[in-house]
Amino acid sequence: MTPVLRLEGVSHQFDGIRVVDDLTLDIAPGEVLCLLGPSGCGKTTALRIAAGLEPLQTGRVLMGNTEVAGPGLQTPPEERGIGLVFQDYALFPHLNVLDNVAFGLSVFTKSVRREKALTELRRVGMDSAADKFPHELSGGQQQRVALARALAPNPRIILLDEPYSGLDSALRAQVRDDVLHLLKESGAATLMVTHDPEEAMFMADRIAVMRDGRIVQEGSPHSLYCYPNSAFVAGFFGEVNAFTGPVKDGHVATPVGPAAVEDLAEGTQATVIVRPEGLRVTTLQAGQSDYAALVMESRLLGRSSLVHLHVQSGENGSTKEWHFHSRMPGIFLPDAGTRLRIELDPGQIFVFPAQED
């Protein structure tokens, strides 16, 4: 199947600093692909290059089988068959909602432009605001209008740049759910940029994690969360507890129990990553002392509880103190000072060579 969009060997520099480094990326018809990474990793620059808003320096950009950017070639954005939704929505303040959506439909007659614009506004639930101006709308309403404007010309691909960053958490959840269904109904391929891993997992069929201008891992949300290829990727999908130590007899010793190692040589320094939900705490039975922890604080986070734990461990007469987090399902709020036993969930433990990050 021919990709709707392909970035091939794309590199880009600003003032001699390479911000995109030999990036190759495909998006299939109807697919939602998220570029995920920290600020400054190059994801927005990659999106702007795909859109034609940033002149290509190295590599190629193809829409279907047509090269739209390459050596000596730079097709303007309006000729690429794309829809754009920016972080600030970029609605025209002097045009009402209807005219904002109709703006990109200049090839049609006035009556057709109006009807197509109203159709898209109905799809996003904003037809009743057709005569209002952007300043009269909430952030969520502006976001819906921006999406309607992007979808109105029936583009082959939609490009979204941090589209929910200006919304509060409750509104963000509702809007992104609506947007996901609208995108899937439209059949357009979608490239979305975000720094929010939960947002990427909610929206994406496939995620490409970027770091320092490069894609470091690519795959489904499930594969990236359950099978990260580095401590960086594991840590980017949520808070983690991290330990370092040498591999000995196929394990790395940690203050909360041994972590099994399969593919690192004996004596290798390793980083052990344990998600908070992988640290299960249970009642400390009489006579038990191994892997005991002292509760510092407990906090209810809604669907789960976060328990702050203090652990002391040591050998050869030295003692080291550790502060860990355990995330338990539901309401689990042991009092500060309670002693609990820690059990590791092997499915939430990841081990990598220490020097890689």
Protein backbone atom coordinates (compact mmCIF):
# COMPACT_ATOMS: atom_id res chain seq x y z
CA MET A 1 0.00 0.00 0.00
CA THR A 2 1.42 3.38 -1.02
CA PRO A 3 1.86 5.72 1.97
CA VAL A 4 -0.18 8.92 1.89
CA LEU A 5 2.84 10.75 3.28
CA ARG A 6 6.49 9.78 3.30
CA LEU A 7 9.43 11.69 4.76
CA GLU A 8 12.61 10.15 3.43
CA GLY A 9 16.07 10.86 4.87
CA VAL A 10 15.01 14.30 6.11
CA SER A 11 17.56 16.39 8.01
CA HIS A 12 17.27 20.01 9.08
CA GLN A 13 19.46 22.57 10.81
CA PHE A 14 18.93 25.90 12.53
CA ASP A 15 22.05 28.05 12.95
CA GLY A 16 24.26 25.01 12.42
CA ILE A 17 22.40 22.88 15.00
CA ARG A 18 20.81 19.74 13.56
CA VAL A 19 17.25 19.47 14.90
CA VAL A 20 16.04 16.71 12.55
CA ASP A 21 18.54 13.97 11.79
CA ASP A 22 18.01 11.57 8.87
CA LEU A 23 14.32 11.03 9.64
CA THR A 24 12.31 8.56 7.55
CA LEU A 25 8.60 8.16 8.22
CA ASP A 26 5.55 6.73 6.42
CA ILE A 27 1.84 7.25 7.10
CA ALA A 28 -0.73 4.86 5.63
CA PRO A 29 -4.23 5.83 4.43
CA GLY A 30 -6.57 6.35 7.39
CA GLU A 31 -3.76 5.91 9.93
CA VAL A 32 -3.20 8.19 12.92
CA LEU A 33 0.52 8.52 13.60
CA CYS A 34 1.85 10.52 16.55
CA LEU A 35 5.31 12.04 16.73
CA LEU A 36 6.03 11.96 20.46
CA GLY A 37 8.97 13.46 22.29
CA PRO A 38 10.23 16.16 24.63
CA SER A 39 10.39 19.83 23.70
CA GLY A 40 13.19 20.52 21.26
CA CYS A 41 13.40 16.97 19.86
CA GLY A 42 12.51 18.10 16.31
CA LYS A 43 8.94 16.81 16.05
CA THR A 44 7.30 20.14 15.18
CA THR A 45 10.03 20.91 12.65
CA ALA A 46 9.34 17.55 10.99
CA LEU A 47 5.63 18.38 10.80
CA ARG A 48 6.34 21.83 9.34
CA ILE A 49 8.58 20.25 6.70
CA ALA A 50 5.79 17.81 5.80
CA ALA A 51 3.37 20.74 5.53
CA GLY A 52 5.72 22.81 3.37
CA LEU A 53 5.91 25.56 6.00
CA GLU A 54 9.64 24.92 6.49
CA PRO A 55 11.81 24.67 3.35
CA LEU A 56 13.35 21.23 2.96
CA GLN A 57 17.13 21.16 3.35
CA THR A 58 17.98 17.47 2.96
CA GLY A 59 15.90 14.46 1.92
CA ARG A 60 12.55 14.08 0.17
CA VAL A 61 8.84 14.48 0.99
CA LEU A 62 6.29 12.49 -0.98
CA MET A 63 2.49 12.68 -1.01
CA GLY A 64 1.43 9.33 -2.43
CA ASN A 65 3.68 8.74 -5.43
CA THR A 66 4.27 12.46 -5.99
CA GLU A 67 7.40 14.14 -4.72
CA VAL A 68 6.41 17.50 -3.22
CA ALA A 69 9.81 18.46 -1.80
CA GLY A 70 13.31 17.42 -2.75
CA PRO A 71 16.46 18.76 -4.35
CA GLY A 72 15.36 21.84 -6.28
CA LEU A 73 11.67 21.24 -5.56
CA GLN A 74 9.41 22.91 -2.98
CA THR A 75 5.66 22.57 -3.55
CA PRO A 76 3.77 25.23 -1.54
CA PRO A 77 1.49 24.10 1.31
CA GLU A 78 -1.74 25.00 -0.49
CA GLU A 79 -0.87 22.57 -3.30
CA ARG A 80 -0.13 19.56 -1.08
CA GLY A 81 -3.68 18.46 -0.27
CA ILE A 82 -3.23 18.79 3.48
CA GLY A 83 -5.31 20.13 6.36
CA LEU A 84 -3.56 21.95 9.19
CA VAL A 85 -4.61 22.44 12.82
CA PHE A 86 -2.16 24.56 14.79
CA GLN A 87 -1.52 24.77 18.52
CA ASP A 88 -3.22 28.19 18.67
CA TYR A 89 -5.89 27.16 16.07
CA ALA A 90 -4.93 30.17 13.84
CA LEU A 91 -8.51 31.20 13.13
CA PHE A 92 -8.97 34.49 11.29
CA PRO A 93 -10.28 36.97 13.91
CA HIS A 94 -12.02 39.17 11.33
CA LEU A 95 -14.04 36.28 9.84
CA ASN A 96 -16.99 34.58 11.45
CA VAL A 97 -16.99 30.82 12.04
CA LEU A 98 -18.70 29.99 8.75
CA ASP A 99 -16.31 32.10 6.71
CA ASN A 100 -13.30 30.64 8.57
CA VAL A 101 -14.34 27.15 7.52
CA ALA A 102 -15.19 28.24 3.97
CA PHE A 103 -11.85 30.03 3.52
CA GLY A 104 -10.09 27.08 1.87
CA LEU A 105 -12.95 26.32 -0.52
CA SER A 106 -12.34 29.13 -3.00
CA VAL A 107 -12.59 26.79 -6.03
CA PHE A 108 -16.33 26.41 -5.38
CA THR A 109 -19.18 28.86 -5.91
CA LYS A 110 -20.34 30.90 -2.93
CA SER A 111 -23.44 28.77 -2.33
CA VAL A 112 -21.44 25.51 -2.49
CA ARG A 113 -18.79 26.95 -0.17
CA ARG A 114 -21.48 27.84 2.34
CA GLU A 115 -23.14 24.42 2.22
CA LYS A 116 -19.85 22.52 2.52
CA ALA A 117 -18.78 24.73 5.43
CA LEU A 118 -22.09 24.16 7.22
CA THR A 119 -21.77 20.42 6.65
CA GLU A 120 -18.37 20.36 8.35
CA LEU A 121 -19.63 22.55 11.20
CA ARG A 122 -22.48 20.08 11.78
CA ARG A 123 -19.96 17.24 11.94
CA VAL A 124 -18.10 18.98 14.76
CA GLY A 125 -21.26 20.22 16.48
CA MET A 126 -20.60 23.91 15.78
CA ASP A 127 -23.23 24.78 13.15
CA SER A 128 -25.20 26.83 15.70
CA ALA A 129 -22.15 29.13 16.06
CA ALA A 130 -21.76 29.79 12.35
CA ASP A 131 -22.30 33.56 12.72
CA LYS A 132 -20.07 34.01 15.76
CA PHE A 133 -16.49 35.28 15.70
CA PRO A 134 -13.48 33.41 17.16
CA HIS A 135 -13.19 35.67 20.22
CA GLU A 136 -16.73 34.68 21.21
CA LEU A 137 -15.82 30.99 21.40
CA SER A 138 -14.20 28.90 24.12
CA GLY A 139 -10.89 27.13 23.47
CA GLY A 140 -12.64 23.84 22.83
CA GLN A 141 -15.06 25.45 20.38
CA GLN A 142 -12.21 27.14 18.52
CA GLN A 143 -10.46 23.79 18.28
CA ARG A 144 -13.53 22.22 16.69
CA VAL A 145 -13.84 25.07 14.18
CA ALA A 146 -10.16 24.70 13.28
CA LEU A 147 -10.70 21.00 12.68
CA ALA A 148 -13.78 21.69 10.53
CA ARG A 149 -11.74 24.15 8.45
CA ALA A 150 -8.98 21.55 8.01
CA LEU A 151 -11.44 18.81 6.97
CA ALA A 152 -13.60 20.92 4.65
CA PRO A 153 -11.46 20.53 1.46
CA ASN A 154 -11.36 16.71 2.00
CA PRO A 155 -7.58 16.58 2.38
CA ARG A 156 -5.59 13.38 2.03
CA ILE A 157 -3.75 14.12 5.26
CA ILE A 158 -4.39 16.13 8.41
CA LEU A 159 -1.45 17.62 10.34
CA LEU A 160 -2.06 18.45 14.02
CA ASP A 161 0.50 20.41 16.05
CA GLU A 162 -0.10 20.00 19.83
CA PRO A 163 -3.84 20.52 19.20
CA TYR A 164 -5.05 20.10 22.79
CA SER A 165 -2.34 21.93 24.74
CA GLY A 166 -4.52 24.99 25.38
CA LEU A 167 -7.43 23.05 26.88
CA ASP A 168 -8.03 22.12 30.51
CA SER A 169 -7.82 18.43 31.38
CA ALA A 170 -11.57 17.68 31.46
CA LEU A 171 -12.26 19.46 28.16
CA ARG A 172 -9.15 17.94 26.59
CA ALA A 173 -10.42 14.41 27.24
CA GLN A 174 -13.78 15.13 25.61
CA VAL A 175 -12.39 17.03 22.63
CA ARG A 176 -9.71 14.49 21.75
CA ASP A 177 -12.31 11.70 21.86
CA ASP A 178 -14.52 13.65 19.45
CA VAL A 179 -11.58 14.50 17.21
CA LEU A 180 -10.39 10.90 17.02
CA HIS A 181 -13.79 9.71 15.79
CA LEU A 182 -14.04 12.57 13.28
CA LEU A 183 -10.60 11.80 11.90
CA LYS A 184 -11.42 8.12 11.53
CA GLU A 185 -14.73 8.95 9.83
CA SER A 186 -12.99 11.28 7.39
CA GLY A 187 -10.60 8.55 6.21
CA ALA A 188 -7.73 11.05 6.10
CA ALA A 189 -4.28 10.01 7.25
CA THR A 190 -3.21 11.99 10.31
CA LEU A 191 0.17 13.12 11.60
CA MET A 192 -0.04 14.56 15.11
CA VAL A 193 2.73 16.11 17.17
CA THR A 194 2.56 15.92 20.96
CA HIS A 195 4.77 15.77 24.04
CA ASP A 196 2.03 14.05 26.06
CA PRO A 197 2.40 10.23 26.10
CA GLU A 198 -1.16 9.62 27.31
CA GLU A 199 -2.48 11.76 24.47
CA ALA A 200 -0.37 9.85 21.96
CA MET A 201 -1.55 6.48 23.29
CA PHE A 202 -5.19 7.63 23.15
CA MET A 203 -5.02 9.00 19.62
CA ALA A 204 -2.47 6.93 17.74
CA ASP A 205 -2.53 3.74 15.74
CA ARG A 206 1.25 4.08 15.72
CA ILE A 207 3.69 6.21 17.71
CA ALA A 208 7.17 7.36 16.70
CA VAL A 209 9.21 8.46 19.73
CA MET A 210 11.76 11.15 18.90
CA ARG A 211 14.90 12.20 20.72
CA ASP A 212 17.54 14.66 19.50
CA GLY A 213 16.07 14.75 15.99
CA ARG A 214 15.88 10.97 15.52
CA ILE A 215 13.20 8.33 15.87
CA VAL A 216 14.40 6.03 18.65
CA GLN A 217 11.45 3.62 18.63
CA GLU A 218 8.34 3.20 16.53
CA GLY A 219 5.29 0.96 16.94
CA SER A 220 1.84 0.57 18.41
CA PRO A 221 1.07 2.16 21.79
CA HIS A 222 0.98 -1.34 23.30
CA SER A 223 4.38 -2.35 21.94
CA LEU A 224 6.09 0.86 23.07
CA TYR A 225 4.62 0.73 26.57
CA CYS A 226 5.16 -2.99 27.16
CA TYR A 227 8.37 -3.48 25.16
CA PRO A 228 10.42 -0.25 25.31
CA ASN A 229 13.86 -0.54 23.73
CA SER A 230 15.59 1.93 26.09
CA ALA A 231 15.36 3.51 29.51
CA PHE A 232 14.48 6.78 27.74
CA VAL A 233 11.41 5.31 26.04
CA ALA A 234 10.32 3.45 29.17
CA GLY A 235 10.60 6.63 31.23
CA PHE A 236 8.84 8.79 28.68
CA PHE A 237 5.61 6.85 29.04
CA GLY A 238 5.24 7.70 32.71
CA GLU A 239 7.02 7.96 36.01
CA VAL A 240 9.46 5.17 36.79
CA ASN A 241 11.67 3.97 39.64
CA ALA A 242 15.26 3.54 38.42
CA PHE A 243 18.19 1.57 39.84
CA THR A 244 21.67 0.76 38.58
CA GLY A 245 23.94 -2.14 39.38
CA PRO A 246 26.06 -4.94 37.89
CA VAL A 247 24.68 -8.13 36.40
CA LYS A 248 25.50 -11.06 38.67
CA ASP A 249 24.31 -14.63 38.13
CA GLY A 250 21.68 -13.44 35.64
CA HIS A 251 20.19 -10.79 37.93
CA VAL A 252 20.64 -7.20 39.02
CA ALA A 253 20.20 -6.71 42.76
CA THR A 254 17.90 -3.84 43.76
CA PRO A 255 16.68 -2.77 47.21
CA VAL A 256 13.22 -4.06 46.28
CA GLY A 257 14.28 -7.45 44.94
CA PRO A 258 16.34 -9.03 42.15
CA ALA A 259 15.61 -8.19 38.52
CA ALA A 260 16.20 -10.97 36.01
CA VAL A 261 18.48 -10.22 33.05
CA GLU A 262 18.47 -12.25 29.85
CA ASP A 263 20.77 -10.57 27.34
CA LEU A 264 23.47 -8.70 29.27
CA ALA A 265 26.87 -10.16 30.05
CA GLU A 266 28.01 -10.92 33.58
CA GLY A 267 29.41 -7.81 35.26
CA THR A 268 27.71 -5.36 32.87
CA GLN A 269 26.42 -2.20 34.56
CA ALA A 270 22.67 -2.14 34.04
CA THR A 271 19.79 0.26 34.56
CA VAL A 272 16.68 -1.34 36.01
CA ILE A 273 13.40 0.47 35.34
CA VAL A 274 10.32 -0.41 37.40
CA ARG A 275 7.00 1.32 36.83
CA PRO A 276 5.18 2.40 40.03
CA GLU A 277 2.43 -0.10 39.28
CA GLY A 278 5.13 -2.79 39.19
CA LEU A 279 5.92 -2.19 42.88
CA ARG A 280 3.13 -3.98 44.70
CA VAL A 281 2.92 -3.51 48.43
CA THR A 282 1.36 -6.01 50.83
CA THR A 283 1.05 -6.44 54.57
CA LEU A 284 4.33 -7.31 56.26
CA GLN A 285 3.80 -10.59 58.07
CA ALA A 286 5.33 -11.40 61.43
CA GLY A 287 8.95 -12.44 61.08
CA GLN A 288 9.35 -10.95 57.58
CA SER A 289 12.09 -8.37 57.10
CA ASP A 290 13.26 -8.74 53.50
CA TYR A 291 12.15 -6.06 51.05
CA ALA A 292 10.33 -4.10 53.74
CA ALA A 293 9.47 -0.44 53.17
CA LEU A 294 8.23 2.40 55.35
CA VAL A 295 5.24 4.42 54.14
CA MET A 296 6.06 8.13 53.94
CA GLU A 297 2.81 9.43 52.38
CA SER A 298 -0.25 8.08 50.57
CA ARG A 299 -2.29 10.00 48.02
CA LEU A 300 -5.50 9.10 46.20
CA LEU A 301 -5.21 9.94 42.49
CA GLY A 302 -8.72 8.91 41.48
CA ARG A 303 -8.61 5.46 39.93
CA SER A 304 -5.39 4.60 41.75
CA SER A 305 -3.41 5.46 44.86
CA LEU A 306 0.22 6.60 44.97
CA VAL A 307 2.24 5.40 47.97
CA HIS A 308 5.57 7.06 48.78
CA LEU A 309 7.96 4.48 50.21
CA HIS A 310 11.25 4.72 52.10
CA VAL A 311 13.68 1.81 51.94
CA GLN A 312 17.05 1.28 53.56
CA SER A 313 19.49 -1.23 52.15
CA GLY A 314 23.16 -1.84 52.30
CA GLU A 315 26.05 -4.24 52.61
CA ASN A 316 29.58 -4.28 53.99
CA GLY A 317 28.54 -1.97 56.79
CA SER A 318 27.20 0.81 54.54
CA THR A 319 23.56 1.83 54.32
CA LYS A 320 21.78 3.63 51.49
CA GLU A 321 18.34 5.22 51.62
CA TRP A 322 15.87 5.09 48.76
CA HIS A 323 12.59 6.84 47.93
CA PHE A 324 10.21 4.90 45.68
CA HIS A 325 6.66 5.23 44.40
CA SER A 326 4.11 2.42 44.27
CA ARG A 327 0.86 2.86 42.35
CA MET A 328 -1.94 0.63 43.64
CA PRO A 329 -5.38 0.21 42.04
CA GLY A 330 -8.38 1.81 43.72
CA ILE A 331 -8.26 3.28 47.22
CA PHE A 332 -5.18 2.12 49.11
CA LEU A 333 -4.05 4.68 51.68
CA PRO A 334 -1.85 3.17 54.40
CA ASP A 335 -0.89 5.56 57.20
CA ALA A 336 2.53 7.19 57.27
CA GLY A 337 4.88 5.03 59.32
CA THR A 338 3.26 1.75 58.27
CA ARG A 339 5.72 -0.98 57.30
CA LEU A 340 4.83 -2.88 54.13
CA ARG A 341 6.44 -5.59 52.03
CA ILE A 342 7.33 -4.87 48.40
CA GLU A 343 6.76 -7.43 45.64
CA LEU A 344 7.97 -6.87 42.09
CA ASP A 345 5.76 -7.52 39.05
CA PRO A 346 8.11 -9.02 36.43
CA GLY A 347 5.96 -7.63 33.61
CA GLN A 348 6.69 -4.06 34.72
CA ILE A 349 10.50 -4.43 34.98
CA PHE A 350 12.87 -3.42 32.17
CA VAL A 351 16.64 -3.77 32.15
CA PHE A 352 19.00 -1.90 29.82
CA PRO A 353 22.75 -1.27 29.60
CA ALA A 354 23.46 1.60 31.99
CA GLN A 355 25.57 3.60 29.53
CA GLU A 356 22.85 3.91 26.87
CA ASP A 357 21.07 6.78 28.62
